[in-house]
Amino acid sequence: MKTESAHNGTLETWTPQEVAEAFDRDEIVLIDVRTPQEYSFERINGALLAPMQAFDPGHMPGQAEKRIVFHCGSGVRSKMVAEKCLAAGIDRIAHMEGGFGAWKEAGLEYTGTDMATGAPKPMKKSG
């Protein structure tokens, strides 16, 4: 994990593998800041949805028990949301480097859409 000191706190940038391992150990809350349409098409199973366009850091839970990690499609929006949290007084927050695209590229499992049926199904990039 990379950390950078921001004006109001610390921004952590986690790799998809770090996120996957912490998520599997139930140590983090993973929050997807993409649009509902993006989320409905494909998503990390178990990630919560809080779209950037309606995001309010004042409604975020505390991090006493689990660290919050944001993700989006490429890492741009999640970093913007994390910076918004820091500006609102949250002193340490994290986002996933490279976003959902990097998650898929790393060969990690996600829920996608079966194009033949429209049903959700587990997916993973093959070798």
N, C-alpha and C. Protein backbone atom coordinates (compact mmCIF):
# COMPACT_ATOMS: atom_id res chain seq x y z
N MET A 1 0.84 -1.16 0.00
CA MET A 1 0.00 0.00 0.00
C MET A 1 0.89 1.24 0.00
N LYS A 2 0.48 2.19 -0.80
CA LYS A 2 1.18 3.48 -0.82
C LYS A 2 0.40 4.46 0.04
N THR A 3 1.11 5.33 0.71
CA THR A 3 0.43 6.38 1.46
C THR A 3 0.99 7.73 1.03
N GLU A 4 0.11 8.71 1.03
CA GLU A 4 0.56 10.07 0.76
C GLU A 4 -0.12 10.99 1.75
N SER A 5 0.67 11.91 2.28
CA SER A 5 0.12 12.89 3.20
C SER A 5 -0.63 13.93 2.39
N ALA A 6 -1.88 14.08 2.72
CA ALA A 6 -2.70 15.09 2.07
C ALA A 6 -2.87 16.24 3.04
N HIS A 7 -3.41 17.30 2.55
CA HIS A 7 -3.61 18.52 3.34
C HIS A 7 -4.33 18.24 4.66
N ASN A 8 -5.34 17.37 4.66
CA ASN A 8 -6.13 17.12 5.86
C ASN A 8 -5.95 15.73 6.47
N GLY A 9 -5.07 14.92 5.93
CA GLY A 9 -4.93 13.57 6.46
C GLY A 9 -4.07 12.70 5.59
N THR A 10 -4.31 11.41 5.62
CA THR A 10 -3.51 10.44 4.87
C THR A 10 -4.39 9.70 3.87
N LEU A 11 -3.94 9.69 2.62
CA LEU A 11 -4.61 8.95 1.56
C LEU A 11 -3.81 7.69 1.28
N GLU A 12 -4.47 6.53 1.41
CA GLU A 12 -3.83 5.26 1.12
C GLU A 12 -4.28 4.79 -0.25
N THR A 13 -3.35 4.23 -1.02
CA THR A 13 -3.65 3.65 -2.31
C THR A 13 -3.28 2.18 -2.25
N TRP A 14 -4.30 1.33 -2.34
CA TRP A 14 -4.12 -0.11 -2.22
C TRP A 14 -4.15 -0.75 -3.60
N THR A 15 -3.38 -1.82 -3.77
CA THR A 15 -3.44 -2.59 -5.01
C THR A 15 -4.69 -3.48 -4.98
N PRO A 16 -5.14 -3.94 -6.13
CA PRO A 16 -6.28 -4.86 -6.13
C PRO A 16 -6.02 -6.11 -5.28
N GLN A 17 -4.80 -6.63 -5.30
CA GLN A 17 -4.49 -7.83 -4.51
C GLN A 17 -4.59 -7.52 -3.01
N GLU A 18 -4.10 -6.37 -2.58
CA GLU A 18 -4.21 -5.98 -1.17
C GLU A 18 -5.67 -5.85 -0.76
N VAL A 19 -6.47 -5.25 -1.64
CA VAL A 19 -7.90 -5.10 -1.36
C VAL A 19 -8.55 -6.48 -1.26
N ALA A 20 -8.28 -7.35 -2.22
CA ALA A 20 -8.89 -8.69 -2.22
C ALA A 20 -8.55 -9.46 -0.95
N GLU A 21 -7.29 -9.41 -0.54
CA GLU A 21 -6.87 -10.14 0.66
C GLU A 21 -7.55 -9.59 1.92
N ALA A 22 -7.58 -8.26 2.06
CA ALA A 22 -8.21 -7.65 3.23
C ALA A 22 -9.72 -7.88 3.22
N PHE A 23 -10.32 -7.85 2.03
CA PHE A 23 -11.77 -8.09 1.89
C PHE A 23 -12.09 -9.53 2.27
N ASP A 24 -11.27 -10.49 1.82
CA ASP A 24 -11.46 -11.90 2.18
C ASP A 24 -11.34 -12.13 3.68
N ARG A 25 -10.48 -11.36 4.34
CA ARG A 25 -10.31 -11.47 5.79
C ARG A 25 -11.36 -10.65 6.55
N ASP A 26 -12.27 -9.99 5.83
CA ASP A 26 -13.34 -9.18 6.42
C ASP A 26 -12.79 -8.01 7.24
N GLU A 27 -11.69 -7.43 6.76
CA GLU A 27 -11.06 -6.31 7.46
C GLU A 27 -11.46 -4.94 6.91
N ILE A 28 -12.09 -4.92 5.74
CA ILE A 28 -12.44 -3.65 5.10
C ILE A 28 -13.90 -3.66 4.63
N VAL A 29 -14.40 -2.45 4.42
CA VAL A 29 -15.66 -2.24 3.72
C VAL A 29 -15.26 -1.68 2.36
N LEU A 30 -15.64 -2.35 1.30
CA LEU A 30 -15.31 -1.93 -0.05
C LEU A 30 -16.51 -1.18 -0.63
N ILE A 31 -16.29 0.06 -1.04
CA ILE A 31 -17.37 0.90 -1.55
C ILE A 31 -17.09 1.29 -2.99
N ASP A 32 -18.01 0.92 -3.85
CA ASP A 32 -17.96 1.20 -5.29
C ASP A 32 -18.60 2.57 -5.52
N VAL A 33 -17.88 3.49 -6.14
CA VAL A 33 -18.41 4.84 -6.37
C VAL A 33 -18.82 5.06 -7.83
N ARG A 34 -18.91 3.97 -8.60
CA ARG A 34 -19.35 4.08 -9.99
C ARG A 34 -20.86 4.33 -10.03
N THR A 35 -21.40 4.45 -11.22
CA THR A 35 -22.84 4.68 -11.37
C THR A 35 -23.61 3.39 -11.11
N PRO A 36 -24.90 3.49 -10.79
CA PRO A 36 -25.71 2.29 -10.62
C PRO A 36 -25.72 1.41 -11.88
N GLN A 37 -25.67 2.02 -13.05
CA GLN A 37 -25.64 1.25 -14.29
C GLN A 37 -24.37 0.42 -14.39
N GLU A 38 -23.22 1.02 -14.09
CA GLU A 38 -21.96 0.28 -14.13
C GLU A 38 -21.99 -0.88 -13.13
N TYR A 39 -22.48 -0.58 -11.94
CA TYR A 39 -22.55 -1.57 -10.87
C TYR A 39 -23.46 -2.74 -11.25
N SER A 40 -24.59 -2.45 -11.88
CA SER A 40 -25.52 -3.52 -12.23
C SER A 40 -24.97 -4.43 -13.32
N PHE A 41 -24.10 -3.92 -14.16
CA PHE A 41 -23.52 -4.71 -15.24
C PHE A 41 -22.42 -5.64 -14.74
N GLU A 42 -21.52 -5.11 -13.90
CA GLU A 42 -20.46 -5.92 -13.32
C GLU A 42 -19.95 -5.26 -12.05
N ARG A 43 -19.60 -6.09 -11.06
CA ARG A 43 -19.23 -5.56 -9.75
C ARG A 43 -18.41 -6.59 -8.97
N ILE A 44 -17.74 -6.09 -7.96
CA ILE A 44 -17.03 -6.95 -7.01
C ILE A 44 -18.09 -7.43 -6.02
N ASN A 45 -18.25 -8.74 -5.92
CA ASN A 45 -19.28 -9.30 -5.06
C ASN A 45 -19.06 -8.87 -3.61
N GLY A 46 -20.07 -8.27 -3.02
CA GLY A 46 -19.99 -7.83 -1.63
C GLY A 46 -19.65 -6.36 -1.47
N ALA A 47 -19.22 -5.70 -2.55
CA ALA A 47 -18.94 -4.27 -2.47
C ALA A 47 -20.24 -3.50 -2.37
N LEU A 48 -20.24 -2.45 -1.58
CA LEU A 48 -21.41 -1.58 -1.45
C LEU A 48 -21.37 -0.52 -2.53
N LEU A 49 -22.51 0.04 -2.88
CA LEU A 49 -22.58 1.08 -3.91
C LEU A 49 -22.90 2.41 -3.26
N ALA A 50 -22.08 3.42 -3.54
CA ALA A 50 -22.30 4.81 -3.13
C ALA A 50 -21.82 5.69 -4.28
N PRO A 51 -22.67 5.91 -5.30
CA PRO A 51 -22.25 6.63 -6.50
C PRO A 51 -21.65 8.01 -6.20
N MET A 52 -20.58 8.32 -6.91
CA MET A 52 -19.87 9.58 -6.71
C MET A 52 -20.79 10.79 -6.84
N GLN A 53 -21.72 10.75 -7.81
CA GLN A 53 -22.53 11.93 -8.07
C GLN A 53 -23.44 12.30 -6.90
N ALA A 54 -23.72 11.37 -6.00
CA ALA A 54 -24.57 11.65 -4.84
C ALA A 54 -23.82 11.44 -3.53
N PHE A 55 -22.50 11.35 -3.59
CA PHE A 55 -21.70 11.01 -2.41
C PHE A 55 -21.62 12.17 -1.42
N ASP A 56 -21.83 11.85 -0.14
CA ASP A 56 -21.72 12.82 0.94
C ASP A 56 -20.88 12.20 2.04
N PRO A 57 -19.66 12.73 2.27
CA PRO A 57 -18.80 12.12 3.30
C PRO A 57 -19.42 12.16 4.70
N GLY A 58 -20.37 13.06 4.92
CA GLY A 58 -21.02 13.13 6.23
C GLY A 58 -21.86 11.91 6.55
N HIS A 59 -22.19 11.11 5.54
CA HIS A 59 -22.99 9.91 5.75
C HIS A 59 -22.15 8.65 5.85
N MET A 60 -20.84 8.79 5.87
CA MET A 60 -19.95 7.62 5.95
C MET A 60 -19.91 7.09 7.38
N PRO A 61 -19.84 5.77 7.52
CA PRO A 61 -19.67 5.21 8.86
C PRO A 61 -18.25 5.44 9.36
N GLY A 62 -18.03 5.27 10.64
CA GLY A 62 -16.69 5.36 11.19
C GLY A 62 -15.85 4.18 10.75
N GLN A 63 -14.56 4.24 11.04
CA GLN A 63 -13.66 3.18 10.63
C GLN A 63 -13.02 2.48 11.83
N ALA A 64 -13.69 2.51 12.96
CA ALA A 64 -13.12 1.90 14.17
C ALA A 64 -12.94 0.39 14.01
N GLU A 65 -13.89 -0.27 13.34
CA GLU A 65 -13.81 -1.72 13.20
C GLU A 65 -13.25 -2.17 11.87
N LYS A 66 -13.59 -1.46 10.79
CA LYS A 66 -13.13 -1.83 9.46
C LYS A 66 -12.73 -0.59 8.68
N ARG A 67 -11.64 -0.70 7.97
CA ARG A 67 -11.17 0.39 7.10
C ARG A 67 -12.07 0.49 5.88
N ILE A 68 -12.31 1.68 5.40
CA ILE A 68 -13.09 1.91 4.18
C ILE A 68 -12.12 2.05 3.02
N VAL A 69 -12.41 1.32 1.93
CA VAL A 69 -11.64 1.42 0.69
C VAL A 69 -12.63 1.69 -0.44
N PHE A 70 -12.40 2.75 -1.20
CA PHE A 70 -13.24 3.08 -2.34
C PHE A 70 -12.65 2.49 -3.61
N HIS A 71 -13.53 2.20 -4.58
CA HIS A 71 -13.06 1.83 -5.91
C HIS A 71 -14.03 2.35 -6.95
N CYS A 72 -13.53 2.51 -8.17
CA CYS A 72 -14.34 2.93 -9.31
C CYS A 72 -13.87 2.12 -10.52
N GLY A 73 -14.02 2.66 -11.70
CA GLY A 73 -13.60 1.93 -12.89
C GLY A 73 -12.11 1.94 -13.13
N SER A 74 -11.47 3.11 -12.87
CA SER A 74 -10.04 3.26 -13.19
C SER A 74 -9.19 3.78 -12.03
N GLY A 75 -9.81 4.21 -10.96
CA GLY A 75 -9.08 4.78 -9.83
C GLY A 75 -9.19 6.29 -9.74
N VAL A 76 -9.70 6.93 -10.78
CA VAL A 76 -9.80 8.40 -10.79
C VAL A 76 -10.93 8.88 -9.86
N ARG A 77 -12.12 8.34 -10.06
CA ARG A 77 -13.26 8.78 -9.23
C ARG A 77 -13.08 8.39 -7.76
N SER A 78 -12.54 7.20 -7.52
CA SER A 78 -12.37 6.77 -6.12
C SER A 78 -11.37 7.67 -5.40
N LYS A 79 -10.35 8.12 -6.10
CA LYS A 79 -9.39 9.05 -5.47
C LYS A 79 -10.07 10.39 -5.18
N MET A 80 -10.92 10.85 -6.09
CA MET A 80 -11.64 12.11 -5.87
C MET A 80 -12.56 11.99 -4.64
N VAL A 81 -13.26 10.87 -4.51
CA VAL A 81 -14.14 10.66 -3.36
C VAL A 81 -13.31 10.58 -2.07
N ALA A 82 -12.18 9.88 -2.12
CA ALA A 82 -11.32 9.80 -0.94
C ALA A 82 -10.82 11.18 -0.53
N GLU A 83 -10.44 11.98 -1.50
CA GLU A 83 -9.98 13.34 -1.20
C GLU A 83 -11.12 14.19 -0.62
N LYS A 84 -12.33 13.95 -1.07
CA LYS A 84 -13.51 14.65 -0.53
C LYS A 84 -13.70 14.27 0.94
N CYS A 85 -13.47 13.00 1.27
CA CYS A 85 -13.56 12.55 2.66
C CYS A 85 -12.51 13.23 3.53
N LEU A 86 -11.28 13.31 3.01
CA LEU A 86 -10.22 13.99 3.76
C LEU A 86 -10.58 15.45 4.00
N ALA A 87 -11.12 16.12 2.98
CA ALA A 87 -11.51 17.52 3.12
C ALA A 87 -12.62 17.70 4.14
N ALA A 88 -13.44 16.66 4.33
CA ALA A 88 -14.55 16.72 5.28
C ALA A 88 -14.13 16.35 6.71
N GLY A 89 -12.84 16.06 6.89
CA GLY A 89 -12.35 15.80 8.24
C GLY A 89 -12.03 14.35 8.57
N ILE A 90 -12.27 13.43 7.64
CA ILE A 90 -11.85 12.04 7.88
C ILE A 90 -10.34 12.02 7.71
N ASP A 91 -9.61 11.57 8.72
CA ASP A 91 -8.16 11.75 8.72
C ASP A 91 -7.36 10.70 7.95
N ARG A 92 -7.98 9.55 7.64
CA ARG A 92 -7.29 8.50 6.89
C ARG A 92 -8.33 7.75 6.07
N ILE A 93 -8.07 7.59 4.78
CA ILE A 93 -9.02 6.92 3.89
C ILE A 93 -8.23 6.24 2.77
N ALA A 94 -8.84 5.26 2.14
CA ALA A 94 -8.12 4.49 1.12
C ALA A 94 -8.95 4.35 -0.16
N HIS A 95 -8.23 4.13 -1.26
CA HIS A 95 -8.88 3.79 -2.52
C HIS A 95 -8.02 2.77 -3.25
N MET A 96 -8.65 2.08 -4.23
CA MET A 96 -7.96 1.02 -4.95
C MET A 96 -7.33 1.55 -6.23
N GLU A 97 -6.05 1.33 -6.36
CA GLU A 97 -5.29 1.76 -7.54
C GLU A 97 -5.76 1.02 -8.79
N GLY A 98 -6.03 1.77 -9.84
CA GLY A 98 -6.42 1.15 -11.11
C GLY A 98 -7.88 0.75 -11.20
N GLY A 99 -8.60 0.82 -10.09
CA GLY A 99 -10.03 0.54 -10.07
C GLY A 99 -10.41 -0.87 -10.48
N PHE A 100 -11.68 -0.97 -10.91
CA PHE A 100 -12.24 -2.27 -11.28
C PHE A 100 -11.51 -2.88 -12.47
N GLY A 101 -11.02 -2.04 -13.37
CA GLY A 101 -10.25 -2.55 -14.51
C GLY A 101 -9.01 -3.30 -14.05
N ALA A 102 -8.32 -2.76 -13.04
CA ALA A 102 -7.13 -3.43 -12.50
C ALA A 102 -7.51 -4.70 -11.75
N TRP A 103 -8.66 -4.68 -11.08
CA TRP A 103 -9.16 -5.87 -10.38
C TRP A 103 -9.34 -7.01 -11.37
N LYS A 104 -10.02 -6.72 -12.48
CA LYS A 104 -10.25 -7.75 -13.50
C LYS A 104 -8.93 -8.19 -14.13
N GLU A 105 -8.06 -7.25 -14.43
CA GLU A 105 -6.77 -7.56 -15.05
C GLU A 105 -5.92 -8.46 -14.16
N ALA A 106 -6.08 -8.31 -12.84
CA ALA A 106 -5.33 -9.14 -11.88
C ALA A 106 -5.89 -10.56 -11.79
N GLY A 107 -6.99 -10.84 -12.49
CA GLY A 107 -7.56 -12.18 -12.48
C GLY A 107 -8.40 -12.48 -11.25
N LEU A 108 -8.88 -11.43 -10.59
CA LEU A 108 -9.70 -11.61 -9.39
C LEU A 108 -11.16 -11.80 -9.79
N GLU A 109 -11.88 -12.59 -9.01
CA GLU A 109 -13.27 -12.90 -9.36
C GLU A 109 -14.19 -11.71 -9.13
N TYR A 110 -15.19 -11.59 -9.98
CA TYR A 110 -16.21 -10.55 -9.87
C TYR A 110 -17.53 -11.10 -10.41
N THR A 111 -18.59 -10.35 -10.20
CA THR A 111 -19.89 -10.73 -10.75
C THR A 111 -20.11 -9.92 -12.01
N GLY A 112 -20.32 -10.62 -13.11
CA GLY A 112 -20.59 -9.98 -14.39
C GLY A 112 -21.96 -10.36 -14.90
N THR A 113 -22.22 -10.03 -16.15
CA THR A 113 -23.51 -10.34 -16.75
C THR A 113 -23.31 -11.36 -17.87
N ASP A 114 -24.06 -12.44 -17.80
CA ASP A 114 -24.06 -13.43 -18.87
C ASP A 114 -24.80 -12.82 -20.05
N MET A 115 -24.11 -12.55 -21.13
CA MET A 115 -24.71 -11.86 -22.27
C MET A 115 -25.80 -12.69 -22.96
N ALA A 116 -25.75 -14.00 -22.82
CA ALA A 116 -26.77 -14.85 -23.45
C ALA A 116 -28.10 -14.78 -22.71
N THR A 117 -28.04 -14.65 -21.38
CA THR A 117 -29.27 -14.69 -20.58
C THR A 117 -29.58 -13.39 -19.85
N GLY A 118 -28.56 -12.53 -19.68
CA GLY A 118 -28.74 -11.31 -18.89
C GLY A 118 -28.63 -11.53 -17.40
N ALA A 119 -28.37 -12.76 -16.99
CA ALA A 119 -28.27 -13.10 -15.57
C ALA A 119 -26.87 -12.80 -15.05
N PRO A 120 -26.77 -12.49 -13.75
CA PRO A 120 -25.44 -12.32 -13.17
C PRO A 120 -24.73 -13.66 -13.06
N LYS A 121 -23.40 -13.62 -13.21
CA LYS A 121 -22.64 -14.86 -13.05
C LYS A 121 -21.22 -14.52 -12.61
N PRO A 122 -20.60 -15.43 -11.85
CA PRO A 122 -19.20 -15.21 -11.44
C PRO A 122 -18.30 -15.22 -12.67
N MET A 123 -17.35 -14.30 -12.69
CA MET A 123 -16.41 -14.21 -13.81
C MET A 123 -15.01 -13.97 -13.29
N LYS A 124 -14.05 -14.30 -14.15
CA LYS A 124 -12.64 -14.08 -13.82
C LYS A 124 -11.88 -14.11 -15.15
N LYS A 125 -10.90 -13.22 -15.26
CA LYS A 125 -10.07 -13.23 -16.46
C LYS A 125 -9.32 -14.55 -16.53
N SER A 126 -9.36 -15.18 -17.68
CA SER A 126 -8.64 -16.45 -17.83
C SER A 126 -7.21 -16.19 -18.27
N GLY A 127 -6.34 -17.06 -17.79
CA GLY A 127 -4.91 -17.07 -17.99
C GLY A 127 -4.40 -16.32 -19.10
